Amino acid sequence: MTEKLFNQKEAAEYLGTTVGTLNSWRHDGKLTIPFVRWGYRVRYKKSDLDKWIEEHTENLTNKIN
């Protein structure tokens, strides 16, 4: 079974940001979240969003050491 793909609105809500911010990140290449493109449609895998969150989670104790 294929993993559910989030549309841009769903992905933005999941990440707690806006569709505009996701678009900026994708176009600027600042924060690269893998995505799937079908023509003009952009989709995100939940597993990719979860991985991105883990990679960008900072722990205060890591900064002190």
PDB file of N, CA and C in Angstrom:
ATOM      1  N   MET A   1       0.839  -1.191   0.000  1.00  0.00           N
ATOM      2  CA  MET A   1       0.000   0.000   0.000  1.00  0.00           C
ATOM      3  C   MET A   1       0.882   1.252   0.000  1.00  0.00           C
ATOM      4  N   THR A   2       0.559   2.205  -0.822  1.00  0.00           N
ATOM      5  CA  THR A   2       1.323   3.440  -0.925  1.00  0.00           C
ATOM      6  C   THR A   2       0.945   4.394   0.210  1.00  0.00           C
ATOM      7  N   GLU A   3       1.950   5.076   0.694  1.00  0.00           N
ATOM      8  CA  GLU A   3       1.751   6.050   1.766  1.00  0.00           C
ATOM      9  C   GLU A   3       0.890   7.225   1.280  1.00  0.00           C
ATOM     10  N   LYS A   4       0.005   7.716   2.163  1.00  0.00           N
ATOM     11  CA  LYS A   4      -0.829   8.872   1.829  1.00  0.00           C
ATOM     12  C   LYS A   4       0.062  10.087   1.589  1.00  0.00           C
ATOM     13  N   LEU A   5      -0.261  10.825   0.569  1.00  0.00           N
ATOM     14  CA  LEU A   5       0.460  12.055   0.267  1.00  0.00           C
ATOM     15  C   LEU A   5      -0.366  13.243   0.733  1.00  0.00           C
ATOM     16  N   PHE A   6       0.288  14.195   1.395  1.00  0.00           N
ATOM     17  CA  PHE A   6      -0.366  15.417   1.847  1.00  0.00           C
ATOM     18  C   PHE A   6      -0.297  16.452   0.737  1.00  0.00           C
ATOM     19  N   ASN A   7      -1.396  17.174   0.518  1.00  0.00           N
ATOM     20  CA  ASN A   7      -1.310  18.307  -0.386  1.00  0.00           C
ATOM     21  C   ASN A   7      -0.616  19.445   0.376  1.00  0.00           C
ATOM     22  N   GLN A   8      -0.407  20.562  -0.283  1.00  0.00           N
ATOM     23  CA  GLN A   8       0.355  21.647   0.349  1.00  0.00           C
ATOM     24  C   GLN A   8      -0.338  22.188   1.600  1.00  0.00           C
ATOM     25  N   LYS A   9      -1.648  22.320   1.548  1.00  0.00           N
ATOM     26  CA  LYS A   9      -2.378  22.841   2.705  1.00  0.00           C
ATOM     27  C   LYS A   9      -2.260  21.886   3.883  1.00  0.00           C
ATOM     28  N   GLU A  10      -2.435  20.599   3.622  1.00  0.00           N
ATOM     29  CA  GLU A  10      -2.327  19.602   4.689  1.00  0.00           C
ATOM     30  C   GLU A  10      -0.917  19.571   5.272  1.00  0.00           C
ATOM     31  N   ALA A  11       0.091  19.631   4.407  1.00  0.00           N
ATOM     32  CA  ALA A  11       1.479  19.612   4.864  1.00  0.00           C
ATOM     33  C   ALA A  11       1.784  20.854   5.701  1.00  0.00           C
ATOM     34  N   ALA A  12       1.319  21.998   5.260  1.00  0.00           N
ATOM     35  CA  ALA A  12       1.550  23.241   6.003  1.00  0.00           C
ATOM     36  C   ALA A  12       0.896  23.164   7.379  1.00  0.00           C
ATOM     37  N   GLU A  13      -0.335  22.679   7.435  1.00  0.00           N
ATOM     38  CA  GLU A  13      -1.016  22.541   8.721  1.00  0.00           C
ATOM     39  C   GLU A  13      -0.277  21.560   9.626  1.00  0.00           C
ATOM     40  N   TYR A  14       0.195  20.463   9.064  1.00  0.00           N
ATOM     41  CA  TYR A  14       0.929  19.456   9.828  1.00  0.00           C
ATOM     42  C   TYR A  14       2.205  20.049  10.430  1.00  0.00           C
ATOM     43  N   LEU A  15       2.868  20.916   9.670  1.00  0.00           N
ATOM     44  CA  LEU A  15       4.113  21.536  10.128  1.00  0.00           C
ATOM     45  C   LEU A  15       3.878  22.807  10.944  1.00  0.00           C
ATOM     46  N   GLY A  16       2.640  23.277  10.965  1.00  0.00           N
ATOM     47  CA  GLY A  16       2.337  24.499  11.707  1.00  0.00           C
ATOM     48  C   GLY A  16       2.833  25.752  11.009  1.00  0.00           C
ATOM     49  N   THR A  17       2.777  25.741   9.698  1.00  0.00           N
ATOM     50  CA  THR A  17       3.221  26.895   8.920  1.00  0.00           C
ATOM     51  C   THR A  17       2.176  27.180   7.834  1.00  0.00           C
ATOM     52  N   THR A  18       2.535  27.975   6.861  1.00  0.00           N
ATOM     53  CA  THR A  18       1.601  28.321   5.795  1.00  0.00           C
ATOM     54  C   THR A  18       2.054  27.715   4.467  1.00  0.00           C
ATOM     55  N   VAL A  19       1.119  27.654   3.531  1.00  0.00           N
ATOM     56  CA  VAL A  19       1.446  27.184   2.192  1.00  0.00           C
ATOM     57  C   VAL A  19       2.486  28.113   1.567  1.00  0.00           C
ATOM     58  N   GLY A  20       2.360  29.400   1.792  1.00  0.00           N
ATOM     59  CA  GLY A  20       3.330  30.365   1.262  1.00  0.00           C
ATOM     60  C   GLY A  20       4.739  30.099   1.762  1.00  0.00           C
ATOM     61  N   THR A  21       4.851  29.751   3.038  1.00  0.00           N
ATOM     62  CA  THR A  21       6.170  29.436   3.594  1.00  0.00           C
ATOM     63  C   THR A  21       6.726  28.174   2.951  1.00  0.00           C
ATOM     64  N   LEU A  22       5.903  27.148   2.802  1.00  0.00           N
ATOM     65  CA  LEU A  22       6.358  25.916   2.126  1.00  0.00           C
ATOM     66  C   LEU A  22       6.833  26.229   0.708  1.00  0.00           C
ATOM     67  N   ASN A  23       6.079  27.052   0.011  1.00  0.00           N
ATOM     68  CA  ASN A  23       6.478  27.437  -1.351  1.00  0.00           C
ATOM     69  C   ASN A  23       7.817  28.163  -1.349  1.00  0.00           C
ATOM     70  N   SER A  24       8.000  29.069  -0.409  1.00  0.00           N
ATOM     71  CA  SER A  24       9.271  29.804  -0.311  1.00  0.00           C
ATOM     72  C   SER A  24      10.422  28.855  -0.030  1.00  0.00           C
ATOM     73  N   TRP A  25      10.229  27.953   0.913  1.00  0.00           N
ATOM     74  CA  TRP A  25      11.288  26.989   1.241  1.00  0.00           C
ATOM     75  C   TRP A  25      11.650  26.152   0.021  1.00  0.00           C
ATOM     76  N   ARG A  26      10.639  25.725  -0.713  1.00  0.00           N
ATOM     77  CA  ARG A  26      10.873  24.869  -1.875  1.00  0.00           C
ATOM     78  C   ARG A  26      11.594  25.647  -2.975  1.00  0.00           C
ATOM     79  N   HIS A  27      11.170  26.878  -3.239  1.00  0.00           N
ATOM     80  CA  HIS A  27      11.761  27.663  -4.323  1.00  0.00           C
ATOM     81  C   HIS A  27      13.131  28.223  -3.972  1.00  0.00           C
ATOM     82  N   ASP A  28      13.311  28.638  -2.713  1.00  0.00           N
ATOM     83  CA  ASP A  28      14.586  29.205  -2.284  1.00  0.00           C
ATOM     84  C   ASP A  28      15.625  28.134  -2.005  1.00  0.00           C
ATOM     85  N   GLY A  29      15.167  26.914  -1.729  1.00  0.00           N
ATOM     86  CA  GLY A  29      16.095  25.836  -1.385  1.00  0.00           C
ATOM     87  C   GLY A  29      16.684  25.987  -0.003  1.00  0.00           C
ATOM     88  N   LYS A  30      16.122  26.876   0.825  1.00  0.00           N
ATOM     89  CA  LYS A  30      16.655  27.095   2.173  1.00  0.00           C
ATOM     90  C   LYS A  30      16.472  25.863   3.052  1.00  0.00           C
ATOM     91  N   LEU A  31      15.264  25.406   3.157  1.00  0.00           N
ATOM     92  CA  LEU A  31      14.956  24.219   3.951  1.00  0.00           C
ATOM     93  C   LEU A  31      14.323  23.202   3.021  1.00  0.00           C
ATOM     94  N   THR A  32      15.066  22.192   2.701  1.00  0.00           N
ATOM     95  CA  THR A  32      14.597  21.253   1.691  1.00  0.00           C
ATOM     96  C   THR A  32      13.816  20.109   2.314  1.00  0.00           C
ATOM     97  N   ILE A  33      12.553  20.075   2.023  1.00  0.00           N
ATOM     98  CA  ILE A  33      11.689  18.967   2.392  1.00  0.00           C
ATOM     99  C   ILE A  33      11.389  18.228   1.101  1.00  0.00           C
ATOM    100  N   PRO A  34      11.670  16.927   1.050  1.00  0.00           N
ATOM    101  CA  PRO A  34      11.368  16.190  -0.186  1.00  0.00           C
ATOM    102  C   PRO A  34       9.893  16.326  -0.561  1.00  0.00           C
ATOM    103  N   PHE A  35       9.627  16.393  -1.852  1.00  0.00           N
ATOM    104  CA  PHE A  35       8.251  16.500  -2.323  1.00  0.00           C
ATOM    105  C   PHE A  35       8.108  15.753  -3.639  1.00  0.00           C
ATOM    106  N   VAL A  36       6.870  15.470  -3.981  1.00  0.00           N
ATOM    107  CA  VAL A  36       6.525  14.802  -5.230  1.00  0.00           C
ATOM    108  C   VAL A  36       5.766  15.812  -6.075  1.00  0.00           C
ATOM    109  N   ARG A  37       6.112  15.909  -7.346  1.00  0.00           N
ATOM    110  CA  ARG A  37       5.417  16.845  -8.226  1.00  0.00           C
ATOM    111  C   ARG A  37       4.745  16.049  -9.347  1.00  0.00           C
ATOM    112  N   TRP A  38       3.445  16.309  -9.515  1.00  0.00           N
ATOM    113  CA  TRP A  38       2.674  15.778 -10.633  1.00  0.00           C
ATOM    114  C   TRP A  38       2.136  16.970 -11.393  1.00  0.00           C
ATOM    115  N   GLY A  39       2.779  17.328 -12.458  1.00  0.00           N
ATOM    116  CA  GLY A  39       2.380  18.525 -13.190  1.00  0.00           C
ATOM    117  C   GLY A  39       2.561  19.734 -12.286  1.00  0.00           C
ATOM    118  N   TYR A  40       1.473  20.439 -12.003  1.00  0.00           N
ATOM    119  CA  TYR A  40       1.534  21.602 -11.118  1.00  0.00           C
ATOM    120  C   TYR A  40       1.257  21.237  -9.671  1.00  0.00           C
ATOM    121  N   ARG A  41       0.885  20.001  -9.424  1.00  0.00           N
ATOM    122  CA  ARG A  41       0.558  19.577  -8.060  1.00  0.00           C
ATOM    123  C   ARG A  41       1.811  19.190  -7.300  1.00  0.00           C
ATOM    124  N   VAL A  42       1.872  19.610  -6.046  1.00  0.00           N
ATOM    125  CA  VAL A  42       2.981  19.265  -5.158  1.00  0.00           C
ATOM    126  C   VAL A  42       2.399  18.486  -3.996  1.00  0.00           C
ATOM    127  N   ARG A  43       3.033  17.364  -3.671  1.00  0.00           N
ATOM    128  CA  ARG A  43       2.586  16.520  -2.570  1.00  0.00           C
ATOM    129  C   ARG A  43       3.777  16.172  -1.685  1.00  0.00           C
ATOM    130  N   TYR A  44       3.483  15.910  -0.415  1.00  0.00           N
ATOM    131  CA  TYR A  44       4.504  15.566   0.572  1.00  0.00           C
ATOM    132  C   TYR A  44       4.131  14.258   1.258  1.00  0.00           C
ATOM    133  N   LYS A  45       5.116  13.368   1.435  1.00  0.00           N
ATOM    134  CA  LYS A  45       4.897  12.145   2.198  1.00  0.00           C
ATOM    135  C   LYS A  45       4.967  12.479   3.686  1.00  0.00           C
ATOM    136  N   LYS A  46       4.077  11.889   4.464  1.00  0.00           N
ATOM    137  CA  LYS A  46       4.083  12.116   5.903  1.00  0.00           C
ATOM    138  C   LYS A  46       5.426  11.692   6.493  1.00  0.00           C
ATOM    139  N   SER A  47       5.974  10.582   6.037  1.00  0.00           N
ATOM    140  CA  SER A  47       7.261  10.104   6.565  1.00  0.00           C
ATOM    141  C   SER A  47       8.379  11.113   6.290  1.00  0.00           C
ATOM    142  N   ASP A  48       8.337  11.789   5.142  1.00  0.00           N
ATOM    143  CA  ASP A  48       9.342  12.822   4.840  1.00  0.00           C
ATOM    144  C   ASP A  48       9.169  14.035   5.750  1.00  0.00           C
ATOM    145  N   LEU A  49       7.918  14.399   6.026  1.00  0.00           N
ATOM    146  CA  LEU A  49       7.663  15.522   6.936  1.00  0.00           C
ATOM    147  C   LEU A  49       8.153  15.175   8.345  1.00  0.00           C
ATOM    148  N   ASP A  50       7.852  13.952   8.793  1.00  0.00           N
ATOM    149  CA  ASP A  50       8.296  13.517  10.125  1.00  0.00           C
ATOM    150  C   ASP A  50       9.820  13.504  10.226  1.00  0.00           C
ATOM    151  N   LYS A  51      10.478  13.022   9.177  1.00  0.00           N
ATOM    152  CA  LYS A  51      11.948  12.987   9.160  1.00  0.00           C
ATOM    153  C   LYS A  51      12.515  14.406   9.205  1.00  0.00           C
ATOM    154  N   TRP A  52      11.912  15.319   8.442  1.00  0.00           N
ATOM    155  CA  TRP A  52      12.364  16.702   8.419  1.00  0.00           C
ATOM    156  C   TRP A  52      12.219  17.331   9.802  1.00  0.00           C
ATOM    157  N   ILE A  53      11.088  17.054  10.461  1.00  0.00           N
ATOM    158  CA  ILE A  53      10.866  17.574  11.819  1.00  0.00           C
ATOM    159  C   ILE A  53      11.959  17.068  12.756  1.00  0.00           C
ATOM    160  N   GLU A  54      12.247  15.772  12.709  1.00  0.00           N
ATOM    161  CA  GLU A  54      13.294  15.193  13.565  1.00  0.00           C
ATOM    162  C   GLU A  54      14.649  15.839  13.298  1.00  0.00           C
ATOM    163  N   GLU A  55      14.976  16.039  12.043  1.00  0.00           N
ATOM    164  CA  GLU A  55      16.273  16.618  11.672  1.00  0.00           C
ATOM    165  C   GLU A  55      16.400  18.079  12.098  1.00  0.00           C
ATOM    166  N   HIS A  56      15.274  18.770  12.280  1.00  0.00           N
ATOM    167  CA  HIS A  56      15.307  20.190  12.631  1.00  0.00           C
ATOM    168  C   HIS A  56      14.846  20.467  14.057  1.00  0.00           C
ATOM    169  N   THR A  57      14.784  19.414  14.855  1.00  0.00           N
ATOM    170  CA  THR A  57      14.425  19.565  16.260  1.00  0.00           C
ATOM    171  C   THR A  57      15.705  19.794  17.052  1.00  0.00           C
ATOM    172  N   GLU A  58      15.726  20.884  17.775  1.00  0.00           N
ATOM    173  CA  GLU A  58      16.895  21.214  18.595  1.00  0.00           C
ATOM    174  C   GLU A  58      16.596  20.953  20.058  1.00  0.00           C
ATOM    175  N   ASN A  59      17.590  20.448  20.727  1.00  0.00           N
ATOM    176  CA  ASN A  59      17.484  20.152  22.152  1.00  0.00           C
ATOM    177  C   ASN A  59      18.407  21.115  22.887  1.00  0.00           C
ATOM    178  N   LEU A  60      17.880  21.835  23.822  1.00  0.00           N
ATOM    179  CA  LEU A  60      18.669  22.838  24.542  1.00  0.00           C
ATOM    180  C   LEU A  60      19.905  22.221  25.176  1.00  0.00           C
ATOM    181  N   THR A  61      19.823  21.011  25.706  1.00  0.00           N
ATOM    182  CA  THR A  61      20.995  20.402  26.344  1.00  0.00           C
ATOM    183  C   THR A  61      22.095  20.128  25.321  1.00  0.00           C
ATOM    184  N   ASN A  62      21.739  19.896  24.062  1.00  0.00           N
ATOM    185  CA  ASN A  62      22.762  19.705  23.019  1.00  0.00           C
ATOM    186  C   ASN A  62      23.521  20.995  22.769  1.00  0.00           C
ATOM    187  N   LYS A  63      22.872  22.122  22.916  1.00  0.00           N
ATOM    188  CA  LYS A  63      23.545  23.411  22.675  1.00  0.00           C
ATOM    189  C   LYS A  63      24.477  23.782  23.822  1.00  0.00           C
ATOM    190  N   ILE A  64      24.175  23.323  25.020  1.00  0.00           N
ATOM    191  CA  ILE A  64      24.999  23.673  26.181  1.00  0.00           C
ATOM    192  C   ILE A  64      26.296  22.890  26.171  1.00  0.00           C
ATOM    193  N   ASN A  65      26.243  21.640  25.751  1.00  0.00           N
ATOM    194  CA  ASN A  65      27.435  20.777  25.793  1.00  0.00           C
ATOM    195  C   ASN A  65      28.373  21.062  24.699  1.00  0.00           C
TER     196      ASN A  65
END
